[in-house]
C-alpha atoms as a PDB file:
ATOM      1  CA  MET A   1      32.393   6.976  49.528  1.00  0.00           C
ATOM      2  CA  ASN A   2      30.965   5.906  46.168  1.00  0.00           C
ATOM      3  CA  ARG A   3      29.931   9.129  44.417  1.00  0.00           C
ATOM      4  CA  LEU A   4      27.837   9.388  41.289  1.00  0.00           C
ATOM      5  CA  LYS A   5      29.335  11.257  38.382  1.00  0.00           C
ATOM      6  CA  LYS A   6      27.042  13.647  36.553  1.00  0.00           C
ATOM      7  CA  THR A   7      25.538  11.814  33.604  1.00  0.00           C
ATOM      8  CA  HIS A   8      22.467  11.759  31.435  1.00  0.00           C
ATOM      9  CA  SER A   9      22.997   8.107  30.609  1.00  0.00           C
ATOM     10  CA  LEU A  10      20.070   6.098  31.895  1.00  0.00           C
ATOM     11  CA  VAL A  11      22.133   2.956  31.306  1.00  0.00           C
ATOM     12  CA  ALA A  12      24.851   4.232  33.666  1.00  0.00           C
ATOM     13  CA  LEU A  13      22.313   5.350  36.283  1.00  0.00           C
ATOM     14  CA  VAL A  14      20.426   2.053  36.250  1.00  0.00           C
ATOM     15  CA  GLY A  15      23.728   0.169  36.420  1.00  0.00           C
ATOM     16  CA  LYS A  16      24.797   2.176  39.470  1.00  0.00           C
ATOM     17  CA  CYS A  17      21.406   1.727  41.175  1.00  0.00           C
ATOM     18  CA  LEU A  18      21.538  -2.047  40.679  1.00  0.00           C
ATOM     19  CA  GLN A  19      24.105  -2.113  43.492  1.00  0.00           C
ATOM     20  CA  PHE A  20      21.247  -1.202  45.837  1.00  0.00           C
ATOM     21  CA  ASP A  21      18.158  -2.767  44.292  1.00  0.00           C
ATOM     22  CA  GLN A  22      18.192  -5.713  41.875  1.00  0.00           C
ATOM     23  CA  ASP A  23      14.537  -5.041  40.975  1.00  0.00           C
ATOM     24  CA  LEU A  24      15.856  -2.222  38.790  1.00  0.00           C
ATOM     25  CA  GLN A  25      17.126  -4.897  36.392  1.00  0.00           C
ATOM     26  CA  GLU A  26      13.659  -4.562  34.836  1.00  0.00           C
ATOM     27  CA  LEU A  27      14.636  -1.066  33.665  1.00  0.00           C
ATOM     28  CA  ARG A  28      17.745  -2.142  31.781  1.00  0.00           C
ATOM     29  CA  LEU A  29      16.108  -2.574  28.364  1.00  0.00           C
ATOM     30  CA  ALA A  30      14.158   0.671  28.715  1.00  0.00           C
ATOM     31  CA  SER A  31      17.327   2.522  29.715  1.00  0.00           C
ATOM     32  CA  VAL A  32      19.186   1.216  26.657  1.00  0.00           C
ATOM     33  CA  THR A  33      16.322   2.292  24.398  1.00  0.00           C
ATOM     34  CA  LEU A  34      15.843   5.726  25.977  1.00  0.00           C
ATOM     35  CA  THR A  35      19.462   6.774  26.546  1.00  0.00           C
ATOM     36  CA  PRO A  36      19.982   8.062  22.979  1.00  0.00           C
ATOM     37  CA  PHE A  37      17.071  10.460  23.528  1.00  0.00           C
ATOM     38  CA  ASP A  38      18.083  11.793  26.934  1.00  0.00           C
ATOM     39  CA  VAL A  39      20.846  14.141  25.806  1.00  0.00           C
ATOM     40  CA  THR A  40      20.133  14.510  22.128  1.00  0.00           C
ATOM     41  CA  PHE A  41      16.744  16.153  22.553  1.00  0.00           C
ATOM     42  CA  ARG A  42      17.682  18.118  25.670  1.00  0.00           C
ATOM     43  CA  TYR A  43      20.372  20.314  24.160  1.00  0.00           C
ATOM     44  CA  PRO A  44      20.436  22.367  20.958  1.00  0.00           C
ATOM     45  CA  GLY A  45      22.175  21.006  17.923  1.00  0.00           C
ATOM     46  CA  GLU A  46      21.576  18.405  15.298  1.00  0.00           C
ATOM     47  CA  LEU A  47      18.703  16.129  16.215  1.00  0.00           C
ATOM     48  CA  PRO A  48      18.491  12.500  15.150  1.00  0.00           C
ATOM     49  CA  GLU A  49      15.565  11.373  13.110  1.00  0.00           C
ATOM     50  CA  LEU A  50      12.711  10.113  15.224  1.00  0.00           C
ATOM     51  CA  THR A  51      10.019   8.268  13.356  1.00  0.00           C
ATOM     52  CA  LEU A  52       6.342   8.434  14.149  1.00  0.00           C
ATOM     53  CA  ASP A  53       6.649   4.796  15.157  1.00  0.00           C
ATOM     54  CA  GLU A  54       9.526   5.389  17.617  1.00  0.00           C
ATOM     55  CA  ALA A  55       8.125   8.433  19.425  1.00  0.00           C
ATOM     56  CA  PRO A  56       5.082   6.759  21.061  1.00  0.00           C
ATOM     57  CA  LYS A  57       7.153   3.704  22.010  1.00  0.00           C
ATOM     58  CA  ALA A  58       9.807   5.893  23.662  1.00  0.00           C
ATOM     59  CA  TYR A  59       7.103   7.845  25.502  1.00  0.00           C
ATOM     60  CA  ILE A  60       5.478   4.651  26.799  1.00  0.00           C
ATOM     61  CA  LEU A  61       8.847   3.272  27.945  1.00  0.00           C
ATOM     62  CA  ALA A  62       9.647   6.538  29.740  1.00  0.00           C
ATOM     63  CA  GLU A  63       6.241   6.542  31.405  1.00  0.00           C
ATOM     64  CA  GLU A  64       6.643   2.910  32.511  1.00  0.00           C
ATOM     65  CA  MET A  65      10.087   3.681  33.900  1.00  0.00           C
ATOM     66  CA  TRP A  66       8.693   6.696  35.779  1.00  0.00           C
ATOM     67  CA  HIS A  67       5.880   4.683  37.382  1.00  0.00           C
ATOM     68  CA  PHE A  68       8.217   1.824  38.289  1.00  0.00           C
ATOM     69  CA  LEU A  69      10.599   4.225  40.029  1.00  0.00           C
ATOM     70  CA  ILE A  70       7.874   6.222  41.788  1.00  0.00           C
ATOM     71  CA  GLU A  71       6.618   3.004  43.400  1.00  0.00           C
ATOM     72  CA  LYS A  72      10.080   2.551  44.943  1.00  0.00           C
ATOM     73  CA  PHE A  73       9.630   5.717  47.010  1.00  0.00           C
ATOM     74  CA  PRO A  74       7.406   6.083  50.079  1.00  0.00           C
ATOM     75  CA  LYS A  75       3.779   6.887  49.180  1.00  0.00           C
ATOM     76  CA  GLU A  76       3.941  10.288  50.868  1.00  0.00           C
ATOM     77  CA  THR A  77       6.595  11.379  48.362  1.00  0.00           C
ATOM     78  CA  HIS A  78       4.552  10.461  45.284  1.00  0.00           C
ATOM     79  CA  PRO A  79       3.445  13.306  43.018  1.00  0.00           C
ATOM     80  CA  LYS A  80      -0.190  14.243  43.297  1.00  0.00           C
END
């Protein structure tokens, strides 16, 4: 059995999911861009600098990734 290890790395998760769905290749660039934010801002400690230019771009990428993934699931599972 091929088990997933616990990770916050979007790059690792997308890479693992590519074994099942090559359409997820579209998420590779977004995952590389967003991965530095996934752990750093989640847990206390020293935060990296995030410019006013980077924040909206990261938000848009995350939103695009979310919508792309939601469309992969059956309609009845979509959030309302």
